[in-house]
C-alpha cells in the first residue's frame, strides 16, 4: 500500500478566453485555497464558473502585459471582486491607457485601468502562501513581465515565448532583439526543466524550445 501523493503547494488551471484563445491562468495555493488569476482578458462568465467550480478565493489579479486580450476586463473584474491588480511593468501604461479604444475597435469589452502595484524585475508576488518571482522581459511590449515559480519549475510567460514560436514585435515599442535577449538571457538560465504557460497555445518547456524552436533554439541562434 503506497502513501497518498501529497498535494503540490501550487496548482494551475488554464482558461482560454476571448476570440484570440488567450490563456487566462488560475493559480491557487492548495494549503489556503487562496488564488490569483493571471491575464483576465475576457469571457468573465467562463472565468467565474471555473473559479466557483475549483472553490478558490481570488485575492488578486496578475497581468503580464497591457494587450487587450490579456487584460481587457481585468479592471472590471478587480472592481467586482474588490481585489488589487499587480503588474505589468509601468512601461506598459500606454497600452493600459488605450484598452477601451482597442475594445471598441475589436468589438470586445475592455476598460482602462491603473494597477494597484506596478512590477519590476526582481519583485515577488504572493498567491496564498506561495511566492512567485517577477522577471521583466521586454520585447513583445516594453513592460512585459513573467511570473516564475522556482519550486514548481513553472513559468507564466505571456506572449514572450510560445511552443515553436516567439511573441510579435511589430506593435508600438516592440523590439525583436530585446525579445531575443529576454528569452535567452532571462528565461533560459531558469533551467531546461521549467514548464511554461504561454499566452496562447499549448504548454512547453524551455529545454524543448532550446532544441526545437525555429526562432530561439540554440541551433537557430548559433
N, C-alpha and C. Protein backbone atom coordinates (compact mmCIF):
# COMPACT_ATOMS: atom_id res chain seq x y z
N UNK A 1 0.86 -1.19 0.00
CA UNK A 1 0.00 0.00 0.00
C UNK A 1 0.89 1.24 0.00
N UNK A 2 0.67 2.16 -0.97
CA UNK A 2 1.52 3.34 -1.10
C UNK A 2 0.86 4.52 -0.41
N UNK A 3 1.72 5.44 0.05
CA UNK A 3 1.19 6.67 0.64
C UNK A 3 0.49 7.49 -0.44
N UNK A 4 -0.57 8.16 -0.05
CA UNK A 4 -1.27 9.03 -1.00
C UNK A 4 -0.34 10.18 -1.40
N UNK A 5 -0.33 10.47 -2.67
CA UNK A 5 0.55 11.52 -3.16
C UNK A 5 0.19 12.86 -2.51
N UNK A 6 1.19 13.56 -2.03
CA UNK A 6 0.91 14.84 -1.37
C UNK A 6 0.56 15.90 -2.42
N UNK A 7 -0.31 16.78 -2.02
CA UNK A 7 -0.76 17.86 -2.90
C UNK A 7 0.38 18.85 -3.10
N UNK A 8 0.64 19.29 -4.35
CA UNK A 8 1.68 20.30 -4.56
C UNK A 8 1.24 21.62 -3.93
N UNK A 9 2.20 22.48 -3.53
CA UNK A 9 1.83 23.76 -2.90
C UNK A 9 1.02 24.67 -3.82
N UNK A 10 1.30 24.59 -5.12
CA UNK A 10 0.63 25.47 -6.09
C UNK A 10 0.03 24.62 -7.20
N UNK A 11 -1.22 24.91 -7.53
CA UNK A 11 -1.85 24.27 -8.69
C UNK A 11 -2.26 25.34 -9.69
N UNK A 12 -2.36 24.90 -10.95
CA UNK A 12 -2.61 25.83 -12.05
C UNK A 12 -3.67 25.26 -12.97
N UNK A 13 -4.58 26.12 -13.41
CA UNK A 13 -5.56 25.75 -14.43
C UNK A 13 -5.58 26.80 -15.51
N UNK A 14 -5.83 26.39 -16.74
CA UNK A 14 -5.82 27.32 -17.87
C UNK A 14 -7.24 27.48 -18.41
N UNK A 15 -7.66 28.73 -18.59
CA UNK A 15 -8.99 29.06 -19.09
C UNK A 15 -8.82 29.87 -20.38
N UNK A 16 -9.03 29.26 -21.56
CA UNK A 16 -8.92 30.03 -22.80
C UNK A 16 -10.05 31.07 -22.87
N UNK A 17 -9.68 32.33 -23.13
CA UNK A 17 -10.67 33.40 -23.20
C UNK A 17 -10.47 34.23 -24.46
N UNK A 18 -11.52 34.94 -24.83
CA UNK A 18 -11.58 35.84 -26.00
C UNK A 18 -11.50 35.05 -27.30
N UNK A 19 -11.92 35.66 -28.42
CA UNK A 19 -11.80 35.00 -29.72
C UNK A 19 -10.34 34.67 -30.08
N UNK A 20 -9.37 35.28 -29.38
CA UNK A 20 -7.96 35.01 -29.65
C UNK A 20 -7.42 33.83 -28.85
N UNK A 21 -8.32 33.15 -28.09
CA UNK A 21 -7.94 31.95 -27.33
C UNK A 21 -6.73 32.22 -26.45
N UNK A 22 -6.83 33.27 -25.67
CA UNK A 22 -5.75 33.67 -24.77
C UNK A 22 -5.82 32.82 -23.50
N UNK A 23 -4.66 32.37 -23.03
CA UNK A 23 -4.61 31.51 -21.85
C UNK A 23 -4.68 32.34 -20.57
N UNK A 24 -5.87 32.48 -20.01
CA UNK A 24 -6.02 33.06 -18.68
C UNK A 24 -5.67 31.95 -17.69
N UNK A 25 -4.80 32.23 -16.73
CA UNK A 25 -4.29 31.20 -15.83
C UNK A 25 -4.81 31.41 -14.41
N UNK A 26 -5.40 30.36 -13.86
CA UNK A 26 -5.83 30.36 -12.46
C UNK A 26 -4.75 29.64 -11.65
N UNK A 27 -4.21 30.35 -10.66
CA UNK A 27 -3.19 29.76 -9.78
C UNK A 27 -3.74 29.76 -8.36
N UNK A 28 -3.55 28.66 -7.64
CA UNK A 28 -4.01 28.69 -6.26
C UNK A 28 -3.09 27.90 -5.34
N UNK A 29 -3.01 28.42 -4.12
CA UNK A 29 -2.25 27.80 -3.03
C UNK A 29 -3.13 26.70 -2.44
N UNK A 30 -2.66 25.46 -2.52
CA UNK A 30 -3.51 24.33 -2.10
C UNK A 30 -3.70 24.30 -0.58
N UNK A 31 -2.79 24.92 0.16
CA UNK A 31 -2.92 24.93 1.62
C UNK A 31 -4.04 25.87 2.07
N UNK A 32 -4.13 27.03 1.43
CA UNK A 32 -5.09 28.05 1.86
C UNK A 32 -6.32 28.15 0.95
N UNK A 33 -6.23 27.58 -0.25
CA UNK A 33 -7.26 27.71 -1.29
C UNK A 33 -7.50 29.18 -1.65
N UNK A 34 -6.45 29.97 -1.50
CA UNK A 34 -6.49 31.34 -1.98
C UNK A 34 -5.70 31.41 -3.28
N UNK A 35 -6.20 32.21 -4.22
CA UNK A 35 -5.58 32.17 -5.53
C UNK A 35 -5.54 33.50 -6.24
N UNK A 36 -5.01 33.47 -7.44
CA UNK A 36 -4.92 34.64 -8.31
C UNK A 36 -5.26 34.21 -9.73
N UNK A 37 -5.73 35.14 -10.50
CA UNK A 37 -5.91 34.94 -11.93
C UNK A 37 -4.92 35.81 -12.67
N UNK A 38 -4.23 35.22 -13.64
CA UNK A 38 -3.28 35.97 -14.45
C UNK A 38 -3.84 36.16 -15.85
N UNK A 39 -3.88 37.40 -16.30
CA UNK A 39 -4.31 37.77 -17.65
C UNK A 39 -5.78 37.46 -17.92
N UNK A 40 -6.64 38.17 -17.20
CA UNK A 40 -8.09 38.06 -17.43
C UNK A 40 -8.44 38.98 -18.59
N UNK A 41 -8.47 38.41 -19.79
CA UNK A 41 -8.69 39.21 -20.99
C UNK A 41 -10.14 39.36 -21.40
N UNK A 42 -10.99 38.43 -20.97
CA UNK A 42 -12.40 38.47 -21.38
C UNK A 42 -13.14 37.25 -20.87
N UNK A 43 -14.37 37.08 -21.38
CA UNK A 43 -15.21 35.91 -21.05
C UNK A 43 -15.34 35.72 -19.53
N UNK A 44 -15.80 36.77 -18.85
CA UNK A 44 -15.87 36.71 -17.39
C UNK A 44 -16.82 35.63 -16.88
N UNK A 45 -17.90 35.35 -17.62
CA UNK A 45 -18.81 34.28 -17.18
C UNK A 45 -18.08 32.94 -17.09
N UNK A 46 -17.25 32.68 -18.09
CA UNK A 46 -16.48 31.43 -18.10
C UNK A 46 -15.47 31.41 -16.95
N UNK A 47 -14.80 32.54 -16.73
CA UNK A 47 -13.80 32.64 -15.66
C UNK A 47 -14.48 32.44 -14.30
N UNK A 48 -15.60 33.12 -14.09
CA UNK A 48 -16.32 32.98 -12.81
C UNK A 48 -16.71 31.53 -12.55
N UNK A 49 -17.18 30.85 -13.60
CA UNK A 49 -17.63 29.46 -13.45
C UNK A 49 -16.49 28.54 -13.03
N UNK A 50 -15.31 28.73 -13.62
CA UNK A 50 -14.16 27.89 -13.27
C UNK A 50 -13.72 28.16 -11.84
N UNK A 51 -13.66 29.42 -11.46
CA UNK A 51 -13.26 29.77 -10.09
C UNK A 51 -14.22 29.15 -9.08
N UNK A 52 -15.52 29.21 -9.37
CA UNK A 52 -16.52 28.63 -8.46
C UNK A 52 -16.38 27.12 -8.38
N UNK A 53 -16.13 26.49 -9.52
CA UNK A 53 -16.02 25.03 -9.55
C UNK A 53 -14.81 24.55 -8.74
N UNK A 54 -13.69 25.26 -8.87
CA UNK A 54 -12.47 24.88 -8.15
C UNK A 54 -12.59 25.22 -6.66
N UNK A 55 -13.39 26.26 -6.34
CA UNK A 55 -13.58 26.63 -4.95
C UNK A 55 -12.48 27.50 -4.38
N UNK A 56 -11.89 28.31 -5.26
CA UNK A 56 -10.77 29.16 -4.86
C UNK A 56 -11.29 30.55 -4.49
N UNK A 57 -10.69 31.16 -3.47
CA UNK A 57 -10.95 32.57 -3.15
C UNK A 57 -9.90 33.42 -3.85
N UNK A 58 -10.34 34.23 -4.82
CA UNK A 58 -9.39 35.06 -5.57
C UNK A 58 -8.99 36.26 -4.71
N UNK A 59 -7.67 36.44 -4.52
CA UNK A 59 -7.20 37.55 -3.69
C UNK A 59 -6.49 38.63 -4.49
N UNK A 60 -6.19 38.37 -5.77
CA UNK A 60 -5.58 39.40 -6.61
C UNK A 60 -5.63 38.96 -8.07
N UNK A 61 -5.44 39.95 -8.96
CA UNK A 61 -5.33 39.68 -10.39
C UNK A 61 -3.95 40.10 -10.85
N UNK A 62 -3.29 39.22 -11.61
CA UNK A 62 -1.95 39.49 -12.13
C UNK A 62 -2.03 39.77 -13.62
N UNK A 63 -1.11 40.58 -14.12
CA UNK A 63 -1.10 40.95 -15.54
C UNK A 63 0.33 40.85 -16.07
N UNK A 64 0.51 40.11 -17.18
CA UNK A 64 1.85 40.02 -17.78
C UNK A 64 2.17 41.23 -18.65
N UNK A 65 1.16 41.72 -19.40
CA UNK A 65 1.40 42.88 -20.26
C UNK A 65 0.06 43.51 -20.64
N UNK A 66 0.14 44.67 -21.31
CA UNK A 66 -1.03 45.51 -21.46
C UNK A 66 -1.91 45.28 -22.67
N UNK A 67 -1.73 44.20 -23.42
CA UNK A 67 -2.58 43.98 -24.59
C UNK A 67 -3.99 43.54 -24.18
N UNK A 68 -4.96 43.97 -24.98
CA UNK A 68 -6.37 43.82 -24.63
C UNK A 68 -6.78 42.37 -24.37
N UNK A 69 -6.28 41.43 -25.17
CA UNK A 69 -6.71 40.04 -25.00
C UNK A 69 -6.19 39.46 -23.68
N UNK A 70 -5.23 40.14 -23.06
CA UNK A 70 -4.67 39.69 -21.78
C UNK A 70 -5.26 40.41 -20.58
N UNK A 71 -5.79 41.60 -20.78
CA UNK A 71 -6.26 42.33 -19.59
C UNK A 71 -7.44 43.26 -19.84
N UNK A 72 -8.16 43.04 -20.94
CA UNK A 72 -9.27 43.95 -21.28
C UNK A 72 -10.30 44.11 -20.19
N UNK A 73 -10.63 43.01 -19.48
CA UNK A 73 -11.66 43.09 -18.44
C UNK A 73 -11.08 42.95 -17.03
N UNK A 74 -9.76 43.04 -16.92
CA UNK A 74 -9.12 42.91 -15.61
C UNK A 74 -9.62 43.97 -14.63
N UNK A 75 -9.71 45.21 -15.09
CA UNK A 75 -10.18 46.30 -14.22
C UNK A 75 -11.62 46.08 -13.78
N UNK A 76 -12.46 45.59 -14.69
CA UNK A 76 -13.87 45.32 -14.38
C UNK A 76 -13.97 44.23 -13.32
N UNK A 77 -13.22 43.14 -13.49
CA UNK A 77 -13.30 42.01 -12.57
C UNK A 77 -12.69 42.35 -11.20
N UNK A 78 -11.62 43.13 -11.21
CA UNK A 78 -11.00 43.54 -9.94
C UNK A 78 -11.98 44.37 -9.11
N UNK A 79 -12.71 45.26 -9.79
CA UNK A 79 -13.70 46.09 -9.08
C UNK A 79 -14.83 45.21 -8.54
N UNK A 80 -15.26 44.24 -9.34
CA UNK A 80 -16.33 43.34 -8.91
C UNK A 80 -15.93 42.53 -7.67
N UNK A 81 -14.68 42.06 -7.66
CA UNK A 81 -14.21 41.22 -6.55
C UNK A 81 -13.67 42.04 -5.38
N UNK A 82 -13.33 43.30 -5.62
CA UNK A 82 -12.71 44.11 -4.59
C UNK A 82 -11.29 43.67 -4.27
N UNK A 83 -10.54 43.29 -5.32
CA UNK A 83 -9.16 42.80 -5.13
C UNK A 83 -8.19 43.68 -5.92
N UNK A 84 -6.92 43.71 -5.53
CA UNK A 84 -5.93 44.52 -6.23
C UNK A 84 -5.43 43.87 -7.53
N UNK A 85 -4.89 44.72 -8.39
CA UNK A 85 -4.23 44.28 -9.63
C UNK A 85 -2.73 44.50 -9.46
N UNK A 86 -1.94 43.48 -9.79
CA UNK A 86 -0.48 43.59 -9.72
C UNK A 86 0.11 43.29 -11.10
N UNK A 87 0.91 44.22 -11.60
CA UNK A 87 1.50 44.08 -12.93
C UNK A 87 0.66 44.81 -13.96
N UNK A 88 1.27 45.04 -15.12
CA UNK A 88 2.64 44.69 -15.52
C UNK A 88 3.66 45.72 -15.02
N UNK A 89 4.78 45.85 -15.73
CA UNK A 89 5.77 46.90 -15.50
C UNK A 89 5.20 48.20 -16.06
N UNK A 90 5.54 49.32 -15.43
CA UNK A 90 4.88 50.58 -15.81
C UNK A 90 5.21 51.06 -17.22
N UNK A 91 6.18 50.45 -17.88
CA UNK A 91 6.45 50.81 -19.28
C UNK A 91 5.29 50.41 -20.20
N UNK A 92 4.33 49.63 -19.70
CA UNK A 92 3.15 49.26 -20.49
C UNK A 92 1.94 50.14 -20.19
N UNK A 93 2.15 51.22 -19.46
CA UNK A 93 1.00 52.08 -19.13
C UNK A 93 0.29 52.58 -20.38
N UNK A 94 1.06 52.87 -21.44
CA UNK A 94 0.44 53.41 -22.65
C UNK A 94 -0.52 52.40 -23.28
N UNK A 95 -0.27 51.10 -23.07
CA UNK A 95 -1.20 50.08 -23.56
C UNK A 95 -2.46 50.05 -22.70
N UNK A 96 -2.30 50.14 -21.38
CA UNK A 96 -3.46 50.13 -20.49
C UNK A 96 -4.35 51.35 -20.73
N UNK A 97 -3.74 52.46 -21.14
CA UNK A 97 -4.49 53.69 -21.38
C UNK A 97 -5.31 53.63 -22.67
N UNK A 98 -5.10 52.60 -23.49
CA UNK A 98 -5.86 52.52 -24.75
C UNK A 98 -6.73 51.27 -24.82
N UNK A 99 -6.93 50.59 -23.68
CA UNK A 99 -7.72 49.36 -23.69
C UNK A 99 -9.15 49.59 -24.20
N UNK A 100 -9.79 50.63 -23.70
CA UNK A 100 -11.18 50.88 -24.09
C UNK A 100 -11.28 51.15 -25.59
N UNK A 101 -10.34 51.93 -26.09
CA UNK A 101 -10.30 52.24 -27.52
C UNK A 101 -10.10 50.96 -28.34
N UNK A 102 -9.19 50.08 -27.87
CA UNK A 102 -8.96 48.81 -28.57
C UNK A 102 -10.21 47.93 -28.53
N UNK A 103 -10.91 47.96 -27.39
CA UNK A 103 -12.14 47.17 -27.26
C UNK A 103 -13.19 47.58 -28.27
N UNK A 104 -13.35 48.89 -28.45
CA UNK A 104 -14.31 49.38 -29.46
C UNK A 104 -13.89 48.93 -30.85
N UNK A 105 -12.61 48.98 -31.11
CA UNK A 105 -12.08 48.63 -32.42
C UNK A 105 -12.36 47.16 -32.76
N UNK A 106 -12.23 46.28 -31.75
CA UNK A 106 -12.39 44.85 -31.98
C UNK A 106 -13.73 44.31 -31.47
N UNK A 107 -14.62 45.23 -31.03
CA UNK A 107 -15.94 44.84 -30.54
C UNK A 107 -15.84 43.83 -29.40
N UNK A 108 -14.94 44.12 -28.45
CA UNK A 108 -14.76 43.28 -27.27
C UNK A 108 -14.82 44.18 -26.03
N UNK A 109 -15.35 43.68 -24.93
CA UNK A 109 -15.40 44.51 -23.72
C UNK A 109 -13.99 44.79 -23.20
N UNK A 110 -13.73 46.04 -22.86
CA UNK A 110 -12.41 46.42 -22.33
C UNK A 110 -12.54 47.73 -21.61
N UNK A 111 -11.74 47.89 -20.57
CA UNK A 111 -11.78 49.12 -19.77
C UNK A 111 -10.36 49.47 -19.33
N UNK A 112 -10.01 50.74 -19.46
CA UNK A 112 -8.71 51.20 -18.98
C UNK A 112 -8.61 51.01 -17.47
N UNK A 113 -7.41 50.77 -16.98
CA UNK A 113 -7.20 50.69 -15.53
C UNK A 113 -5.76 51.04 -15.21
N UNK A 114 -5.53 51.36 -13.96
CA UNK A 114 -4.18 51.54 -13.43
C UNK A 114 -3.99 50.48 -12.36
N UNK A 115 -2.96 49.63 -12.47
CA UNK A 115 -2.79 48.59 -11.45
C UNK A 115 -2.51 49.19 -10.07
N UNK A 116 -2.85 48.44 -9.04
CA UNK A 116 -2.55 48.86 -7.68
C UNK A 116 -1.05 48.79 -7.41
N UNK A 117 -0.37 47.94 -8.17
CA UNK A 117 1.08 47.78 -7.98
C UNK A 117 1.73 47.50 -9.32
N UNK A 118 2.59 48.42 -9.76
CA UNK A 118 3.44 48.14 -10.91
C UNK A 118 4.52 47.16 -10.46
N UNK A 119 4.96 46.30 -11.35
CA UNK A 119 6.00 45.32 -11.00
C UNK A 119 7.29 45.63 -11.75
N UNK A 120 8.40 45.28 -11.13
CA UNK A 120 9.69 45.45 -11.79
C UNK A 120 10.53 44.19 -11.59
N UNK A 121 11.61 44.10 -12.33
CA UNK A 121 12.49 42.94 -12.27
C UNK A 121 12.98 42.73 -10.84
N UNK A 122 12.85 41.48 -10.36
CA UNK A 122 13.32 41.18 -9.01
C UNK A 122 12.25 41.25 -7.94
N UNK A 123 11.07 41.77 -8.28
CA UNK A 123 9.96 41.78 -7.33
C UNK A 123 9.46 40.35 -7.10
N UNK A 124 8.63 40.18 -6.09
CA UNK A 124 7.92 38.92 -5.88
C UNK A 124 6.44 39.23 -5.70
N UNK A 125 5.61 38.25 -6.03
CA UNK A 125 4.17 38.34 -5.74
C UNK A 125 3.79 37.08 -4.98
N UNK A 126 2.79 37.20 -4.14
CA UNK A 126 2.34 36.04 -3.37
C UNK A 126 0.97 35.59 -3.84
N UNK A 127 0.77 34.28 -3.78
CA UNK A 127 -0.54 33.67 -4.02
C UNK A 127 -0.79 32.75 -2.84
N UNK A 128 -1.69 33.16 -1.92
CA UNK A 128 -1.79 32.42 -0.67
C UNK A 128 -0.44 32.45 0.03
N UNK A 129 0.11 31.27 0.32
CA UNK A 129 1.42 31.19 0.99
C UNK A 129 2.55 30.87 0.01
N UNK A 130 2.26 30.97 -1.29
CA UNK A 130 3.25 30.66 -2.33
C UNK A 130 3.82 31.97 -2.88
N UNK A 131 5.12 31.97 -3.17
CA UNK A 131 5.78 33.17 -3.70
C UNK A 131 6.26 32.93 -5.13
N UNK A 132 5.97 33.88 -6.00
CA UNK A 132 6.43 33.84 -7.39
C UNK A 132 7.42 34.98 -7.61
N UNK A 133 8.44 34.73 -8.41
CA UNK A 133 9.41 35.76 -8.78
C UNK A 133 8.93 36.50 -10.03
N UNK A 134 9.20 37.78 -10.08
CA UNK A 134 8.85 38.62 -11.23
C UNK A 134 10.10 38.88 -12.06
N UNK A 135 9.99 38.63 -13.36
CA UNK A 135 11.10 38.86 -14.28
C UNK A 135 10.62 39.79 -15.38
N UNK A 136 11.26 40.94 -15.53
CA UNK A 136 10.90 41.89 -16.58
C UNK A 136 11.50 41.40 -17.89
N UNK A 137 10.64 41.12 -18.88
CA UNK A 137 11.07 40.54 -20.16
C UNK A 137 10.53 41.38 -21.32
N UNK A 138 11.11 42.55 -21.57
CA UNK A 138 10.62 43.40 -22.65
C UNK A 138 10.93 42.82 -24.02
N UNK A 139 10.22 43.35 -25.03
CA UNK A 139 10.43 42.94 -26.41
C UNK A 139 9.11 42.86 -27.15
N UNK A 140 8.20 42.02 -26.66
CA UNK A 140 6.84 41.98 -27.23
C UNK A 140 6.14 43.29 -26.89
N UNK A 141 6.20 43.66 -25.62
CA UNK A 141 5.85 45.02 -25.17
C UNK A 141 6.97 45.46 -24.22
N UNK A 142 7.13 46.76 -24.01
CA UNK A 142 8.24 47.22 -23.18
C UNK A 142 8.08 46.88 -21.70
N UNK A 143 6.83 46.68 -21.25
CA UNK A 143 6.61 46.43 -19.84
C UNK A 143 6.19 45.01 -19.50
N UNK A 144 6.47 44.07 -20.39
CA UNK A 144 6.06 42.67 -20.19
C UNK A 144 6.81 42.05 -19.02
N UNK A 145 6.07 41.34 -18.16
CA UNK A 145 6.70 40.60 -17.07
C UNK A 145 6.33 39.12 -17.15
N UNK A 146 7.19 38.29 -16.57
CA UNK A 146 6.99 36.84 -16.49
C UNK A 146 6.93 36.48 -15.00
N UNK A 147 6.06 35.52 -14.66
CA UNK A 147 5.95 35.05 -13.28
C UNK A 147 6.57 33.65 -13.19
N UNK A 148 7.54 33.50 -12.29
CA UNK A 148 8.30 32.25 -12.19
C UNK A 148 8.12 31.65 -10.80
N UNK A 149 7.76 30.37 -10.77
CA UNK A 149 7.63 29.63 -9.50
C UNK A 149 8.75 28.61 -9.43
N UNK A 150 9.89 28.97 -8.82
CA UNK A 150 11.07 28.10 -8.86
C UNK A 150 10.84 26.71 -8.28
N UNK A 151 10.11 26.61 -7.17
CA UNK A 151 9.92 25.30 -6.52
C UNK A 151 9.16 24.32 -7.42
N UNK A 152 8.27 24.87 -8.25
CA UNK A 152 7.48 24.01 -9.13
C UNK A 152 7.99 23.95 -10.55
N UNK A 153 9.14 24.60 -10.81
CA UNK A 153 9.71 24.62 -12.17
C UNK A 153 8.65 25.05 -13.19
N UNK A 154 8.01 26.18 -12.89
CA UNK A 154 6.89 26.67 -13.69
C UNK A 154 7.07 28.15 -13.97
N UNK A 155 6.70 28.57 -15.18
CA UNK A 155 6.71 29.99 -15.51
C UNK A 155 5.47 30.33 -16.33
N UNK A 156 4.91 31.50 -16.07
CA UNK A 156 3.81 32.03 -16.89
C UNK A 156 4.41 33.17 -17.69
N UNK A 157 4.52 32.96 -19.00
CA UNK A 157 5.36 33.84 -19.82
C UNK A 157 4.59 34.77 -20.75
N UNK A 158 3.25 34.77 -20.69
CA UNK A 158 2.51 35.67 -21.56
C UNK A 158 2.89 35.46 -23.02
N UNK A 159 3.12 36.56 -23.72
CA UNK A 159 3.41 36.47 -25.16
C UNK A 159 4.90 36.63 -25.47
N UNK A 160 5.77 36.29 -24.51
CA UNK A 160 7.21 36.32 -24.78
C UNK A 160 7.60 35.13 -25.64
N UNK A 161 7.11 33.94 -25.27
CA UNK A 161 7.55 32.69 -25.89
C UNK A 161 6.35 31.76 -26.03
N UNK A 162 6.33 30.99 -27.13
CA UNK A 162 5.29 30.00 -27.38
C UNK A 162 5.94 28.68 -27.77
N UNK A 163 5.15 27.63 -27.78
CA UNK A 163 5.64 26.37 -28.33
C UNK A 163 5.91 26.60 -29.82
N UNK A 164 7.18 26.58 -30.20
CA UNK A 164 7.56 26.71 -31.60
C UNK A 164 7.61 28.13 -32.14
N UNK A 165 7.38 29.13 -31.30
CA UNK A 165 7.37 30.50 -31.81
C UNK A 165 7.75 31.48 -30.69
N UNK A 166 7.74 32.76 -31.04
CA UNK A 166 8.01 33.82 -30.07
C UNK A 166 6.99 34.92 -30.29
N UNK A 167 6.95 35.90 -29.39
CA UNK A 167 5.99 36.99 -29.49
C UNK A 167 6.25 37.90 -30.68
N UNK A 168 5.19 38.53 -31.14
CA UNK A 168 5.32 39.52 -32.21
C UNK A 168 6.04 40.76 -31.67
N UNK A 169 6.76 41.42 -32.55
CA UNK A 169 7.45 42.65 -32.13
C UNK A 169 7.13 43.82 -33.06
N UNK A 170 6.05 43.67 -33.85
CA UNK A 170 5.68 44.73 -34.79
C UNK A 170 4.66 45.70 -34.21
N UNK A 171 4.34 45.57 -32.92
CA UNK A 171 3.47 46.52 -32.25
C UNK A 171 4.28 47.74 -31.81
N UNK A 172 3.60 48.86 -31.46
CA UNK A 172 4.32 50.02 -30.96
C UNK A 172 5.25 49.66 -29.79
N UNK A 173 6.49 50.09 -29.90
CA UNK A 173 7.55 49.90 -28.90
C UNK A 173 7.93 48.43 -28.70
N UNK A 174 7.58 47.59 -29.68
CA UNK A 174 8.13 46.24 -29.70
C UNK A 174 9.56 46.28 -30.19
N UNK A 175 10.36 45.27 -29.80
CA UNK A 175 11.77 45.28 -30.19
C UNK A 175 12.24 43.83 -30.29
N UNK A 176 12.55 43.40 -31.51
CA UNK A 176 12.87 42.00 -31.75
C UNK A 176 14.13 41.56 -30.98
N UNK A 177 15.20 42.35 -31.06
CA UNK A 177 16.44 41.95 -30.38
C UNK A 177 16.25 41.91 -28.88
N UNK A 178 15.48 42.85 -28.38
CA UNK A 178 15.19 42.88 -26.94
C UNK A 178 14.45 41.61 -26.52
N UNK A 179 13.52 41.16 -27.37
CA UNK A 179 12.77 39.94 -27.06
C UNK A 179 13.69 38.72 -27.05
N UNK A 180 14.56 38.62 -28.04
CA UNK A 180 15.52 37.50 -28.08
C UNK A 180 16.39 37.51 -26.84
N UNK A 181 16.85 38.71 -26.44
CA UNK A 181 17.70 38.82 -25.24
C UNK A 181 16.92 38.43 -23.99
N UNK A 182 15.65 38.83 -23.91
CA UNK A 182 14.83 38.46 -22.75
C UNK A 182 14.72 36.94 -22.62
N UNK A 183 14.50 36.28 -23.75
CA UNK A 183 14.34 34.82 -23.74
C UNK A 183 15.65 34.13 -23.37
N UNK A 184 16.73 34.51 -24.05
CA UNK A 184 17.99 33.78 -23.88
C UNK A 184 18.73 34.16 -22.61
N UNK A 185 18.59 35.41 -22.17
CA UNK A 185 19.35 35.86 -21.00
C UNK A 185 18.56 35.79 -19.70
N UNK A 186 17.22 35.77 -19.79
CA UNK A 186 16.41 35.78 -18.57
C UNK A 186 15.62 34.49 -18.36
N UNK A 187 15.16 33.87 -19.45
CA UNK A 187 14.37 32.65 -19.30
C UNK A 187 15.23 31.39 -19.34
N UNK A 188 16.11 31.27 -20.30
CA UNK A 188 16.91 30.04 -20.41
C UNK A 188 17.68 29.72 -19.13
N UNK A 189 18.26 30.72 -18.45
CA UNK A 189 19.00 30.38 -17.22
C UNK A 189 18.13 29.78 -16.10
N UNK A 190 16.81 29.88 -16.22
CA UNK A 190 15.93 29.30 -15.19
C UNK A 190 15.95 27.78 -15.23
N UNK A 191 16.39 27.20 -16.36
CA UNK A 191 16.53 25.74 -16.44
C UNK A 191 15.69 25.11 -17.52
N UNK A 192 16.25 24.08 -18.15
CA UNK A 192 15.55 23.37 -19.22
C UNK A 192 14.29 22.66 -18.74
N UNK A 193 14.23 22.36 -17.43
CA UNK A 193 13.10 21.58 -16.90
C UNK A 193 11.90 22.46 -16.54
N UNK A 194 11.99 23.77 -16.80
CA UNK A 194 10.86 24.65 -16.47
C UNK A 194 9.76 24.48 -17.52
N UNK A 195 8.57 24.14 -17.06
CA UNK A 195 7.38 24.14 -17.92
C UNK A 195 6.82 25.54 -17.96
N UNK A 196 6.45 26.01 -19.16
CA UNK A 196 5.89 27.36 -19.22
C UNK A 196 4.49 27.35 -19.83
N UNK A 197 3.66 28.25 -19.29
CA UNK A 197 2.33 28.51 -19.83
C UNK A 197 2.44 29.75 -20.71
N UNK A 198 2.25 29.61 -22.03
CA UNK A 198 2.32 30.77 -22.90
C UNK A 198 0.98 31.51 -22.94
N UNK A 199 0.98 32.66 -23.57
CA UNK A 199 -0.25 33.44 -23.69
C UNK A 199 -1.27 32.82 -24.62
N UNK A 200 -0.82 31.97 -25.51
CA UNK A 200 -1.71 31.29 -26.45
C UNK A 200 -1.12 29.92 -26.75
N UNK A 201 -1.97 28.93 -26.96
CA UNK A 201 -1.48 27.62 -27.37
C UNK A 201 -1.02 26.76 -26.21
N UNK A 202 -0.43 25.58 -26.55
CA UNK A 202 -0.09 24.59 -25.53
C UNK A 202 1.17 24.94 -24.74
N UNK A 203 1.27 24.35 -23.56
CA UNK A 203 2.47 24.49 -22.73
C UNK A 203 3.66 23.81 -23.41
N UNK A 204 4.85 24.18 -22.98
CA UNK A 204 6.07 23.51 -23.42
C UNK A 204 7.09 23.66 -22.30
N UNK A 205 8.33 23.29 -22.57
CA UNK A 205 9.41 23.50 -21.62
C UNK A 205 10.51 24.33 -22.28
N UNK A 206 11.29 25.02 -21.45
CA UNK A 206 12.39 25.80 -22.01
C UNK A 206 13.37 24.87 -22.73
N UNK A 207 13.61 23.68 -22.19
CA UNK A 207 14.52 22.74 -22.82
C UNK A 207 14.07 22.34 -24.21
N UNK A 208 12.78 22.06 -24.34
CA UNK A 208 12.24 21.68 -25.65
C UNK A 208 12.40 22.81 -26.65
N UNK A 209 12.12 24.05 -26.21
CA UNK A 209 12.23 25.18 -27.14
C UNK A 209 13.69 25.45 -27.51
N UNK A 210 14.60 25.21 -26.58
CA UNK A 210 16.03 25.39 -26.91
C UNK A 210 16.48 24.38 -27.96
N UNK A 211 15.79 23.26 -28.05
CA UNK A 211 16.12 22.24 -29.05
C UNK A 211 15.40 22.44 -30.37
N UNK A 212 14.13 22.91 -30.31
CA UNK A 212 13.27 22.82 -31.49
C UNK A 212 12.72 24.13 -32.02
N UNK A 213 12.79 25.21 -31.24
CA UNK A 213 12.14 26.46 -31.65
C UNK A 213 12.94 27.13 -32.76
N UNK A 214 12.29 27.36 -33.90
CA UNK A 214 12.98 27.90 -35.06
C UNK A 214 13.49 29.32 -34.90
N UNK A 215 13.03 30.02 -33.85
CA UNK A 215 13.45 31.40 -33.62
C UNK A 215 14.54 31.51 -32.56
N UNK A 216 14.46 30.68 -31.53
CA UNK A 216 15.38 30.86 -30.39
C UNK A 216 16.07 29.58 -29.94
N UNK A 217 16.03 28.53 -30.76
CA UNK A 217 16.78 27.32 -30.37
C UNK A 217 18.27 27.65 -30.37
N UNK A 218 19.03 26.84 -29.64
CA UNK A 218 20.48 27.06 -29.63
C UNK A 218 21.04 27.01 -31.04
N UNK A 219 20.50 26.11 -31.86
CA UNK A 219 20.98 25.98 -33.25
C UNK A 219 20.63 27.22 -34.06
N UNK A 220 19.37 27.71 -33.91
CA UNK A 220 18.93 28.87 -34.69
C UNK A 220 19.76 30.11 -34.37
N UNK A 221 20.22 30.22 -33.13
CA UNK A 221 20.95 31.41 -32.72
C UNK A 221 22.47 31.26 -32.81
N UNK A 222 22.91 30.06 -33.22
CA UNK A 222 24.36 29.82 -33.28
C UNK A 222 24.97 30.42 -34.55
